[in-house]
Amino acid sequence: MARKKGSSEFKDFDDRVQRLRTAASLPGTEPQTPDRTKYGGAGVQVGIELFAGVVGGGLIGYGLDRWLETWPLLFVVFFFLGAAAGTLNAYRHIRRATFGADQERPK
């Protein structure tokens, strides 16, 4: 069962933990997980977005070309569409990492 923040079942326990932390001069919050975007996670995600777009578009174009026997027309078209989609996704990820989800973005 998932714990609901502020539920009455754990209120007594939380109060006791808070009193013990105060008595021992420990910080009152739980340790925070590190922000992955500061340690290269954003760069890896951007690379994956670009790679997936190009490969996905190329595979779709290749498959359609084999099926419709139009080589290399659809391969080239879908390759560039996939590259554009991957670039757009990478750009969106960079904007989200730069400005955060809750901050207002400049227009």
PDB file of N, CA and C in Angstrom:
ATOM      1  N   MET A   1       0.838  -1.166   0.000  1.00  0.00           N
ATOM      2  CA  MET A   1       0.000   0.000   0.000  1.00  0.00           C
ATOM      3  C   MET A   1       0.888   1.236   0.000  1.00  0.00           C
ATOM      4  N   ALA A   2       0.599   2.176  -0.867  1.00  0.00           N
ATOM      5  CA  ALA A   2       1.403   3.384  -0.964  1.00  0.00           C
ATOM      6  C   ALA A   2       1.073   4.332   0.178  1.00  0.00           C
ATOM      7  N   ARG A   3       2.080   4.995   0.651  1.00  0.00           N
ATOM      8  CA  ARG A   3       1.898   5.942   1.742  1.00  0.00           C
ATOM      9  C   ARG A   3       1.369   7.251   1.182  1.00  0.00           C
ATOM     10  N   LYS A   4       0.333   7.760   1.787  1.00  0.00           N
ATOM     11  CA  LYS A   4      -0.216   9.044   1.393  1.00  0.00           C
ATOM     12  C   LYS A   4       0.368  10.094   2.313  1.00  0.00           C
ATOM     13  N   LYS A   5       0.896  11.142   1.722  1.00  0.00           N
ATOM     14  CA  LYS A   5       1.534  12.181   2.522  1.00  0.00           C
ATOM     15  C   LYS A   5       0.508  12.833   3.440  1.00  0.00           C
ATOM     16  N   GLY A   6       0.834  12.886   4.703  1.00  0.00           N
ATOM     17  CA  GLY A   6      -0.045  13.511   5.682  1.00  0.00           C
ATOM     18  C   GLY A   6      -1.166  12.613   6.165  1.00  0.00           C
ATOM     19  N   SER A   7      -1.111  11.318   5.873  1.00  0.00           N
ATOM     20  CA  SER A   7      -2.182  10.434   6.335  1.00  0.00           C
ATOM     21  C   SER A   7      -2.079  10.256   7.845  1.00  0.00           C
ATOM     22  N   SER A   8      -3.218   9.990   8.477  1.00  0.00           N
ATOM     23  CA  SER A   8      -3.257   9.896   9.933  1.00  0.00           C
ATOM     24  C   SER A   8      -2.502   8.666  10.451  1.00  0.00           C
ATOM     25  N   GLU A   9      -2.358   7.642   9.624  1.00  0.00           N
ATOM     26  CA  GLU A   9      -1.667   6.429  10.049  1.00  0.00           C
ATOM     27  C   GLU A   9      -0.205   6.697  10.407  1.00  0.00           C
ATOM     28  N   PHE A  10       0.406   7.639   9.712  1.00  0.00           N
ATOM     29  CA  PHE A  10       1.825   7.881   9.902  1.00  0.00           C
ATOM     30  C   PHE A  10       2.104   9.192  10.619  1.00  0.00           C
ATOM     31  N   LYS A  11       1.077   9.919  10.996  1.00  0.00           N
ATOM     32  CA  LYS A  11       1.285  11.221  11.628  1.00  0.00           C
ATOM     33  C   LYS A  11       2.060  11.092  12.933  1.00  0.00           C
ATOM     34  N   ASP A  12       1.688  10.146  13.774  1.00  0.00           N
ATOM     35  CA  ASP A  12       2.386   9.959  15.044  1.00  0.00           C
ATOM     36  C   ASP A  12       3.848   9.609  14.814  1.00  0.00           C
ATOM     37  N   PHE A  13       4.089   8.716  13.885  1.00  0.00           N
ATOM     38  CA  PHE A  13       5.464   8.321  13.576  1.00  0.00           C
ATOM     39  C   PHE A  13       6.258   9.517  13.059  1.00  0.00           C
ATOM     40  N   ASP A  14       5.677  10.293  12.143  1.00  0.00           N
ATOM     41  CA  ASP A  14       6.361  11.463  11.611  1.00  0.00           C
ATOM     42  C   ASP A  14       6.676  12.473  12.717  1.00  0.00           C
ATOM     43  N   ASP A  15       5.752  12.652  13.645  1.00  0.00           N
ATOM     44  CA  ASP A  15       5.990  13.577  14.760  1.00  0.00           C
ATOM     45  C   ASP A  15       7.155  13.102  15.624  1.00  0.00           C
ATOM     46  N   ARG A  16       7.198  11.815  15.905  1.00  0.00           N
ATOM     47  CA  ARG A  16       8.298  11.281  16.713  1.00  0.00           C
ATOM     48  C   ARG A  16       9.639  11.433  15.996  1.00  0.00           C
ATOM     49  N   VAL A  17       9.658  11.154  14.698  1.00  0.00           N
ATOM     50  CA  VAL A  17      10.900  11.297  13.934  1.00  0.00           C
ATOM     51  C   VAL A  17      11.346  12.754  13.932  1.00  0.00           C
ATOM     52  N   GLN A  18      10.414  13.665  13.742  1.00  0.00           N
ATOM     53  CA  GLN A  18      10.747  15.087  13.735  1.00  0.00           C
ATOM     54  C   GLN A  18      11.312  15.537  15.096  1.00  0.00           C
ATOM     55  N   ARG A  19      10.714  15.055  16.192  1.00  0.00           N
ATOM     56  CA  ARG A  19      11.233  15.393  17.522  1.00  0.00           C
ATOM     57  C   ARG A  19      12.642  14.851  17.718  1.00  0.00           C
ATOM     58  N   LEU A  20      12.882  13.623  17.275  1.00  0.00           N
ATOM     59  CA  LEU A  20      14.221  13.044  17.404  1.00  0.00           C
ATOM     60  C   LEU A  20      15.237  13.796  16.551  1.00  0.00           C
ATOM     61  N   ARG A  21      14.852  14.181  15.354  1.00  0.00           N
ATOM     62  CA  ARG A  21      15.753  14.961  14.496  1.00  0.00           C
ATOM     63  C   ARG A  21      16.091  16.303  15.136  1.00  0.00           C
ATOM     64  N   THR A  22      15.090  16.941  15.697  1.00  0.00           N
ATOM     65  CA  THR A  22      15.316  18.229  16.355  1.00  0.00           C
ATOM     66  C   THR A  22      16.240  18.054  17.547  1.00  0.00           C
ATOM     67  N   ALA A  23      16.013  17.009  18.342  1.00  0.00           N
ATOM     68  CA  ALA A  23      16.855  16.768  19.513  1.00  0.00           C
ATOM     69  C   ALA A  23      18.288  16.462  19.119  1.00  0.00           C
ATOM     70  N   ALA A  24      18.482  15.796  17.992  1.00  0.00           N
ATOM     71  CA  ALA A  24      19.830  15.427  17.553  1.00  0.00           C
ATOM     72  C   ALA A  24      20.440  16.475  16.623  1.00  0.00           C
ATOM     73  N   SER A  25      19.737  17.565  16.369  1.00  0.00           N
ATOM     74  CA  SER A  25      20.187  18.646  15.473  1.00  0.00           C
ATOM     75  C   SER A  25      20.434  18.136  14.056  1.00  0.00           C
ATOM     76  N   LEU A  26      19.574  17.269  13.577  1.00  0.00           N
ATOM     77  CA  LEU A  26      19.645  16.773  12.212  1.00  0.00           C
ATOM     78  C   LEU A  26      18.709  17.586  11.330  1.00  0.00           C
ATOM     79  N   PRO A  27      18.995  17.651  10.054  1.00  0.00           N
ATOM     80  CA  PRO A  27      18.076  18.362   9.165  1.00  0.00           C
ATOM     81  C   PRO A  27      16.710  17.688   9.160  1.00  0.00           C
ATOM     82  N   GLY A  28      15.656  18.472   9.013  1.00  0.00           N
ATOM     83  CA  GLY A  28      14.302  17.943   9.093  1.00  0.00           C
ATOM     84  C   GLY A  28      13.769  17.340   7.817  1.00  0.00           C
ATOM     85  N   THR A  29      14.503  17.428   6.742  1.00  0.00           N
ATOM     86  CA  THR A  29      14.001  16.878   5.484  1.00  0.00           C
ATOM     87  C   THR A  29      14.759  15.615   5.135  1.00  0.00           C
ATOM     88  N   GLU A  30      14.124  14.831   4.299  1.00  0.00           N
ATOM     89  CA  GLU A  30      14.761  13.608   3.829  1.00  0.00           C
ATOM     90  C   GLU A  30      15.799  13.966   2.777  1.00  0.00           C
ATOM     91  N   PRO A  31      16.806  13.133   2.594  1.00  0.00           N
ATOM     92  CA  PRO A  31      17.817  13.438   1.588  1.00  0.00           C
ATOM     93  C   PRO A  31      17.184  13.534   0.201  1.00  0.00           C
ATOM     94  N   GLN A  32      17.620  14.528  -0.536  1.00  0.00           N
ATOM     95  CA  GLN A  32      17.099  14.742  -1.882  1.00  0.00           C
ATOM     96  C   GLN A  32      17.884  13.899  -2.875  1.00  0.00           C
ATOM     97  N   THR A  33      17.200  13.419  -3.891  1.00  0.00           N
ATOM     98  CA  THR A  33      17.896  12.706  -4.957  1.00  0.00           C
ATOM     99  C   THR A  33      18.583  13.740  -5.826  1.00  0.00           C
ATOM    100  N   PRO A  34      19.755  13.433  -6.363  1.00  0.00           N
ATOM    101  CA  PRO A  34      20.471  14.417  -7.167  1.00  0.00           C
ATOM    102  C   PRO A  34      19.717  14.711  -8.464  1.00  0.00           C
ATOM    103  N   ASP A  35      19.848  15.940  -8.918  1.00  0.00           N
ATOM    104  CA  ASP A  35      19.235  16.346 -10.181  1.00  0.00           C
ATOM    105  C   ASP A  35      20.088  15.782 -11.312  1.00  0.00           C
ATOM    106  N   ARG A  36      19.541  14.863 -12.065  1.00  0.00           N
ATOM    107  CA  ARG A  36      20.306  14.167 -13.093  1.00  0.00           C
ATOM    108  C   ARG A  36      20.725  15.091 -14.227  1.00  0.00           C
ATOM    109  N   THR A  37      19.982  16.171 -14.442  1.00  0.00           N
ATOM    110  CA  THR A  37      20.345  17.070 -15.534  1.00  0.00           C
ATOM    111  C   THR A  37      21.662  17.781 -15.271  1.00  0.00           C
ATOM    112  N   LYS A  38      22.081  17.878 -14.008  1.00  0.00           N
ATOM    113  CA  LYS A  38      23.344  18.528 -13.693  1.00  0.00           C
ATOM    114  C   LYS A  38      24.536  17.621 -13.941  1.00  0.00           C
ATOM    115  N   TYR A  39      24.320  16.344 -14.060  1.00  0.00           N
ATOM    116  CA  TYR A  39      25.419  15.393 -14.176  1.00  0.00           C
ATOM    117  C   TYR A  39      25.493  14.716 -15.537  1.00  0.00           C
ATOM    118  N   GLY A  40      24.998  15.348 -16.559  1.00  0.00           N
ATOM    119  CA  GLY A  40      25.106  14.786 -17.889  1.00  0.00           C
ATOM    120  C   GLY A  40      23.898  14.009 -18.339  1.00  0.00           C
ATOM    121  N   GLY A  41      22.905  13.856 -17.495  1.00  0.00           N
ATOM    122  CA  GLY A  41      21.704  13.124 -17.892  1.00  0.00           C
ATOM    123  C   GLY A  41      20.973  13.804 -19.033  1.00  0.00           C
ATOM    124  N   ALA A  42      21.007  15.125 -19.050  1.00  0.00           N
ATOM    125  CA  ALA A  42      20.335  15.863 -20.121  1.00  0.00           C
ATOM    126  C   ALA A  42      21.037  15.614 -21.453  1.00  0.00           C
ATOM    127  N   GLY A  43      22.364  15.570 -21.427  1.00  0.00           N
ATOM    128  CA  GLY A  43      23.106  15.323 -22.662  1.00  0.00           C
ATOM    129  C   GLY A  43      22.830  13.947 -23.227  1.00  0.00           C
ATOM    130  N   VAL A  44      22.747  12.970 -22.362  1.00  0.00           N
ATOM    131  CA  VAL A  44      22.438  11.611 -22.812  1.00  0.00           C
ATOM    132  C   VAL A  44      21.031  11.552 -23.392  1.00  0.00           C
ATOM    133  N   GLN A  45      20.086  12.206 -22.722  1.00  0.00           N
ATOM    134  CA  GLN A  45      18.705  12.207 -23.200  1.00  0.00           C
ATOM    135  C   GLN A  45      18.601  12.891 -24.562  1.00  0.00           C
ATOM    136  N   VAL A  46      19.302  13.999 -24.758  1.00  0.00           N
ATOM    137  CA  VAL A  46      19.278  14.696 -26.039  1.00  0.00           C
ATOM    138  C   VAL A  46      19.862  13.798 -27.132  1.00  0.00           C
ATOM    139  N   GLY A  47      20.948  13.116 -26.834  1.00  0.00           N
ATOM    140  CA  GLY A  47      21.534  12.201 -27.807  1.00  0.00           C
ATOM    141  C   GLY A  47      20.598  11.062 -28.173  1.00  0.00           C
ATOM    142  N   ILE A  48      19.902  10.539 -27.184  1.00  0.00           N
ATOM    143  CA  ILE A  48      18.949   9.460 -27.444  1.00  0.00           C
ATOM    144  C   ILE A  48      17.796   9.961 -28.317  1.00  0.00           C
ATOM    145  N   GLU A  49      17.312  11.166 -28.021  1.00  0.00           N
ATOM    146  CA  GLU A  49      16.223  11.743 -28.819  1.00  0.00           C
ATOM    147  C   GLU A  49      16.640  11.887 -30.276  1.00  0.00           C
ATOM    148  N   LEU A  50      17.830  12.414 -30.512  1.00  0.00           N
ATOM    149  CA  LEU A  50      18.306  12.600 -31.888  1.00  0.00           C
ATOM    150  C   LEU A  50      18.499  11.254 -32.589  1.00  0.00           C
ATOM    151  N   PHE A  51      19.144  10.332 -31.908  1.00  0.00           N
ATOM    152  CA  PHE A  51      19.414   9.019 -32.490  1.00  0.00           C
ATOM    153  C   PHE A  51      18.118   8.279 -32.813  1.00  0.00           C
ATOM    154  N   ALA A  52      17.178   8.296 -31.873  1.00  0.00           N
ATOM    155  CA  ALA A  52      15.923   7.577 -32.072  1.00  0.00           C
ATOM    156  C   ALA A  52      15.128   8.172 -33.227  1.00  0.00           C
ATOM    157  N   GLY A  53      15.144   9.487 -33.359  1.00  0.00           N
ATOM    158  CA  GLY A  53      14.420  10.113 -34.461  1.00  0.00           C
ATOM    159  C   GLY A  53      14.983   9.715 -35.814  1.00  0.00           C
ATOM    160  N   VAL A  54      16.300   9.779 -35.936  1.00  0.00           N
ATOM    161  CA  VAL A  54      16.943   9.450 -37.207  1.00  0.00           C
ATOM    162  C   VAL A  54      16.765   7.966 -37.539  1.00  0.00           C
ATOM    163  N   VAL A  55      17.034   7.104 -36.581  1.00  0.00           N
ATOM    164  CA  VAL A  55      16.922   5.662 -36.826  1.00  0.00           C
ATOM    165  C   VAL A  55      15.470   5.261 -37.070  1.00  0.00           C
ATOM    166  N   GLY A  56      14.562   5.801 -36.260  1.00  0.00           N
ATOM    167  CA  GLY A  56      13.148   5.471 -36.440  1.00  0.00           C
ATOM    168  C   GLY A  56      12.627   5.907 -37.793  1.00  0.00           C
ATOM    169  N   GLY A  57      12.940   7.135 -38.186  1.00  0.00           N
ATOM    170  CA  GLY A  57      12.515   7.616 -39.499  1.00  0.00           C
ATOM    171  C   GLY A  57      13.129   6.803 -40.626  1.00  0.00           C
ATOM    172  N   GLY A  58      14.414   6.487 -40.481  1.00  0.00           N
ATOM    173  CA  GLY A  58      15.079   5.684 -41.514  1.00  0.00           C
ATOM    174  C   GLY A  58      14.482   4.288 -41.636  1.00  0.00           C
ATOM    175  N   LEU A  59      14.175   3.656 -40.524  1.00  0.00           N
ATOM    176  CA  LEU A  59      13.585   2.313 -40.568  1.00  0.00           C
ATOM    177  C   LEU A  59      12.179   2.326 -41.168  1.00  0.00           C
ATOM    178  N   ILE A  60      11.400   3.325 -40.811  1.00  0.00           N
ATOM    179  CA  ILE A  60      10.055   3.417 -41.392  1.00  0.00           C
ATOM    180  C   ILE A  60      10.153   3.641 -42.898  1.00  0.00           C
ATOM    181  N   GLY A  61      11.022   4.547 -43.309  1.00  0.00           N
ATOM    182  CA  GLY A  61      11.199   4.793 -44.742  1.00  0.00           C
ATOM    183  C   GLY A  61      11.717   3.572 -45.479  1.00  0.00           C
ATOM    184  N   TYR A  62      12.657   2.868 -44.892  1.00  0.00           N
ATOM    185  CA  TYR A  62      13.204   1.660 -45.509  1.00  0.00           C
ATOM    186  C   TYR A  62      12.129   0.585 -45.661  1.00  0.00           C
ATOM    187  N   GLY A  63      11.342   0.412 -44.598  1.00  0.00           N
ATOM    188  CA  GLY A  63      10.277  -0.592 -44.656  1.00  0.00           C
ATOM    189  C   GLY A  63       9.231  -0.262 -45.709  1.00  0.00           C
ATOM    190  N   LEU A  64       8.838   0.991 -45.776  1.00  0.00           N
ATOM    191  CA  LEU A  64       7.861   1.385 -46.793  1.00  0.00           C
ATOM    192  C   LEU A  64       8.432   1.267 -48.203  1.00  0.00           C
ATOM    193  N   ASP A  65       9.706   1.594 -48.367  1.00  0.00           N
ATOM    194  CA  ASP A  65      10.338   1.452 -49.684  1.00  0.00           C
ATOM    195  C   ASP A  65      10.405  -0.005 -50.118  1.00  0.00           C
ATOM    196  N   ARG A  66      10.702  -0.890 -49.192  1.00  0.00           N
ATOM    197  CA  ARG A  66      10.729  -2.317 -49.553  1.00  0.00           C
ATOM    198  C   ARG A  66       9.344  -2.813 -49.915  1.00  0.00           C
ATOM    199  N   TRP A  67       8.345  -2.341 -49.174  1.00  0.00           N
ATOM    200  CA  TRP A  67       6.983  -2.800 -49.411  1.00  0.00           C
ATOM    201  C   TRP A  67       6.425  -2.231 -50.710  1.00  0.00           C
ATOM    202  N   LEU A  68       6.674  -0.942 -50.971  1.00  0.00           N
ATOM    203  CA  LEU A  68       6.108  -0.283 -52.149  1.00  0.00           C
ATOM    204  C   LEU A  68       7.067  -0.243 -53.344  1.00  0.00           C
ATOM    205  N   GLU A  69       8.286  -0.758 -53.161  1.00  0.00           N
ATOM    206  CA  GLU A  69       9.312  -0.805 -54.198  1.00  0.00           C
ATOM    207  C   GLU A  69       9.574   0.573 -54.807  1.00  0.00           C
ATOM    208  N   THR A  70       9.849   1.531 -53.953  1.00  0.00           N
ATOM    209  CA  THR A  70      10.113   2.900 -54.399  1.00  0.00           C
ATOM    210  C   THR A  70      11.483   3.387 -53.960  1.00  0.00           C
ATOM    211  N   TRP A  71      12.417   2.482 -53.730  1.00  0.00           N
ATOM    212  CA  TRP A  71      13.725   2.843 -53.188  1.00  0.00           C
ATOM    213  C   TRP A  71      14.358   3.956 -53.993  1.00  0.00           C
ATOM    214  N   PRO A  72      14.964   4.937 -53.444  1.00  0.00           N
ATOM    215  CA  PRO A  72      15.165   5.378 -52.074  1.00  0.00           C
ATOM    216  C   PRO A  72      14.265   6.551 -51.692  1.00  0.00           C
ATOM    217  N   LEU A  73      13.202   6.775 -52.406  1.00  0.00           N
ATOM    218  CA  LEU A  73      12.365   7.957 -52.207  1.00  0.00           C
ATOM    219  C   LEU A  73      11.846   8.073 -50.781  1.00  0.00           C
ATOM    220  N   LEU A  74      11.114   7.086 -50.304  1.00  0.00           N
ATOM    221  CA  LEU A  74      10.520   7.179 -48.970  1.00  0.00           C
ATOM    222  C   LEU A  74      11.566   7.105 -47.856  1.00  0.00           C
ATOM    223  N   PHE A  75      12.652   6.386 -48.121  1.00  0.00           N
ATOM    224  CA  PHE A  75      13.720   6.333 -47.129  1.00  0.00           C
ATOM    225  C   PHE A  75      14.269   7.728 -46.857  1.00  0.00           C
ATOM    226  N   VAL A  76      14.543   8.479 -47.906  1.00  0.00           N
ATOM    227  CA  VAL A  76      15.097   9.822 -47.753  1.00  0.00           C
ATOM    228  C   VAL A  76      14.088  10.745 -47.066  1.00  0.00           C
ATOM    229  N   VAL A  77      12.826  10.674 -47.489  1.00  0.00           N
ATOM    230  CA  VAL A  77      11.794  11.531 -46.909  1.00  0.00           C
ATOM    231  C   VAL A  77      11.642  11.250 -45.413  1.00  0.00           C
ATOM    232  N   PHE A  78      11.496   9.982 -45.043  1.00  0.00           N
ATOM    233  CA  PHE A  78      11.288   9.646 -43.629  1.00  0.00           C
ATOM    234  C   PHE A  78      12.565   9.817 -42.797  1.00  0.00           C
ATOM    235  N   PHE A  79      13.719   9.667 -43.427  1.00  0.00           N
ATOM    236  CA  PHE A  79      14.967   9.937 -42.721  1.00  0.00           C
ATOM    237  C   PHE A  79      15.005  11.388 -42.259  1.00  0.00           C
ATOM    238  N   PHE A  80      14.681  12.307 -43.154  1.00  0.00           N
ATOM    239  CA  PHE A  80      14.700  13.722 -42.782  1.00  0.00           C
ATOM    240  C   PHE A  80      13.551  14.088 -41.854  1.00  0.00           C
ATOM    241  N   LEU A  81      12.405  13.462 -42.014  1.00  0.00           N
ATOM    242  CA  LEU A  81      11.311  13.699 -41.068  1.00  0.00           C
ATOM    243  C   LEU A  81      11.693  13.208 -39.669  1.00  0.00           C
ATOM    244  N   GLY A  82      12.331  12.055 -39.582  1.00  0.00           N
ATOM    245  CA  GLY A  82      12.789  11.538 -38.291  1.00  0.00           C
ATOM    246  C   GLY A  82      13.858  12.429 -37.680  1.00  0.00           C
ATOM    247  N   ALA A  83      14.769  12.934 -38.519  1.00  0.00           N
ATOM    248  CA  ALA A  83      15.793  13.841 -38.004  1.00  0.00           C
ATOM    249  C   ALA A  83      15.163  15.122 -37.480  1.00  0.00           C
ATOM    250  N   ALA A  84      14.163  15.639 -38.182  1.00  0.00           N
ATOM    251  CA  ALA A  84      13.475  16.851 -37.725  1.00  0.00           C
ATOM    252  C   ALA A  84      12.723  16.589 -36.424  1.00  0.00           C
ATOM    253  N   ALA A  85      12.062  15.441 -36.327  1.00  0.00           N
ATOM    254  CA  ALA A  85      11.329  15.101 -35.103  1.00  0.00           C
ATOM    255  C   ALA A  85      12.289  14.915 -33.927  1.00  0.00           C
ATOM    256  N   GLY A  86      13.408  14.252 -34.155  1.00  0.00           N
ATOM    257  CA  GLY A  86      14.400  14.071 -33.098  1.00  0.00           C
ATOM    258  C   GLY A  86      14.989  15.392 -32.639  1.00  0.00           C
ATOM    259  N   THR A  87      15.248  16.293 -33.583  1.00  0.00           N
ATOM    260  CA  THR A  87      15.774  17.608 -33.239  1.00  0.00           C
ATOM    261  C   THR A  87      14.760  18.398 -32.431  1.00  0.00           C
ATOM    262  N   LEU A  88      13.496  18.344 -32.832  1.00  0.00           N
ATOM    263  CA  LEU A  88      12.451  19.050 -32.098  1.00  0.00           C
ATOM    264  C   LEU A  88      12.299  18.491 -30.682  1.00  0.00           C
ATOM    265  N   ASN A  89      12.333  17.177 -30.536  1.00  0.00           N
ATOM    266  CA  ASN A  89      12.243  16.576 -29.198  1.00  0.00           C
ATOM    267  C   ASN A  89      13.446  16.951 -28.339  1.00  0.00           C
ATOM    268  N   ALA A  90      14.631  16.962 -28.935  1.00  0.00           N
ATOM    269  CA  ALA A  90      15.830  17.353 -28.191  1.00  0.00           C
ATOM    270  C   ALA A  90      15.735  18.814 -27.763  1.00  0.00           C
ATOM    271  N   TYR A  91      15.255  19.663 -28.643  1.00  0.00           N
ATOM    272  CA  TYR A  91      15.092  21.082 -28.321  1.00  0.00           C
ATOM    273  C   TYR A  91      14.099  21.258 -27.169  1.00  0.00           C
ATOM    274  N   ARG A  92      12.990  20.530 -27.208  1.00  0.00           N
ATOM    275  CA  ARG A  92      12.007  20.611 -26.133  1.00  0.00           C
ATOM    276  C   ARG A  92      12.602  20.145 -24.805  1.00  0.00           C
ATOM    277  N   HIS A  93      13.403  19.087 -24.856  1.00  0.00           N
ATOM    278  CA  HIS A  93      14.020  18.586 -23.628  1.00  0.00           C
ATOM    279  C   HIS A  93      14.999  19.607 -23.057  1.00  0.00           C
ATOM    280  N   ILE A  94      15.782  20.235 -23.907  1.00  0.00           N
ATOM    281  CA  ILE A  94      16.731  21.241 -23.449  1.00  0.00           C
ATOM    282  C   ILE A  94      15.997  22.427 -22.843  1.00  0.00           C
ATOM    283  N   ARG A  95      14.913  22.861 -23.487  1.00  0.00           N
ATOM    284  CA  ARG A  95      14.128  23.981 -22.946  1.00  0.00           C
ATOM    285  C   ARG A  95      13.548  23.625 -21.576  1.00  0.00           C
ATOM    286  N   ARG A  96      13.021  22.400 -21.443  1.00  0.00           N
ATOM    287  CA  ARG A  96      12.444  21.949 -20.182  1.00  0.00           C
ATOM    288  C   ARG A  96      13.511  21.881 -19.094  1.00  0.00           C
ATOM    289  N   ALA A  97      14.701  21.408 -19.447  1.00  0.00           N
ATOM    290  CA  ALA A  97      15.779  21.307 -18.463  1.00  0.00           C
ATOM    291  C   ALA A  97      16.314  22.684 -18.092  1.00  0.00           C
ATOM    292  N   THR A  98      16.314  23.601 -19.046  1.00  0.00           N
ATOM    293  CA  THR A  98      16.853  24.932 -18.796  1.00  0.00           C
ATOM    294  C   THR A  98      15.920  25.771 -17.942  1.00  0.00           C
ATOM    295  N   PHE A  99      14.651  25.793 -18.305  1.00  0.00           N
ATOM    296  CA  PHE A  99      13.703  26.670 -17.641  1.00  0.00           C
ATOM    297  C   PHE A  99      12.884  25.972 -16.580  1.00  0.00           C
ATOM    298  N   GLY A 100      12.927  24.658 -16.518  1.00  0.00           N
ATOM    299  CA  GLY A 100      12.142  23.910 -15.526  1.00  0.00           C
ATOM    300  C   GLY A 100      10.691  23.826 -15.950  1.00  0.00           C
ATOM    301  N   ALA A 101       9.992  22.899 -15.348  1.00  0.00           N
ATOM    302  CA  ALA A 101       8.598  22.674 -15.724  1.00  0.00           C
ATOM    303  C   ALA A 101       7.686  23.738 -15.151  1.00  0.00           C
ATOM    304  N   ASP A 102       8.058  24.344 -14.011  1.00  0.00           N
ATOM    305  CA  ASP A 102       7.157  25.275 -13.365  1.00  0.00           C
ATOM    306  C   ASP A 102       7.496  26.740 -13.638  1.00  0.00           C
ATOM    307  N   GLN A 103       8.603  27.010 -14.307  1.00  0.00           N
ATOM    308  CA  GLN A 103       8.974  28.387 -14.603  1.00  0.00           C
ATOM    309  C   GLN A 103       8.371  28.817 -15.921  1.00  0.00           C
ATOM    310  N   GLU A 104       8.109  30.103 -16.033  1.00  0.00           N
ATOM    311  CA  GLU A 104       7.546  30.616 -17.280  1.00  0.00           C
ATOM    312  C   GLU A 104       8.644  30.732 -18.306  1.00  0.00           C
ATOM    313  N   ARG A 105       8.349  30.299 -19.494  1.00  0.00           N
ATOM    314  CA  ARG A 105       9.325  30.317 -20.567  1.00  0.00           C
ATOM    315  C   ARG A 105       9.191  31.605 -21.359  1.00  0.00           C
ATOM    316  N   PRO A 106      10.320  32.164 -21.789  1.00  0.00           N
ATOM    317  CA  PRO A 106      10.231  33.368 -22.630  1.00  0.00           C
ATOM    318  C   PRO A 106       9.662  33.007 -23.996  1.00  0.00           C
ATOM    319  N   LYS A 107       8.983  33.939 -24.586  1.00  0.00           N
ATOM    320  CA  LYS A 107       8.360  33.675 -25.900  1.00  0.00           C
ATOM    321  C   LYS A 107       9.178  34.210 -27.031  1.00  0.00           C
TER     322      LYS A 107
END
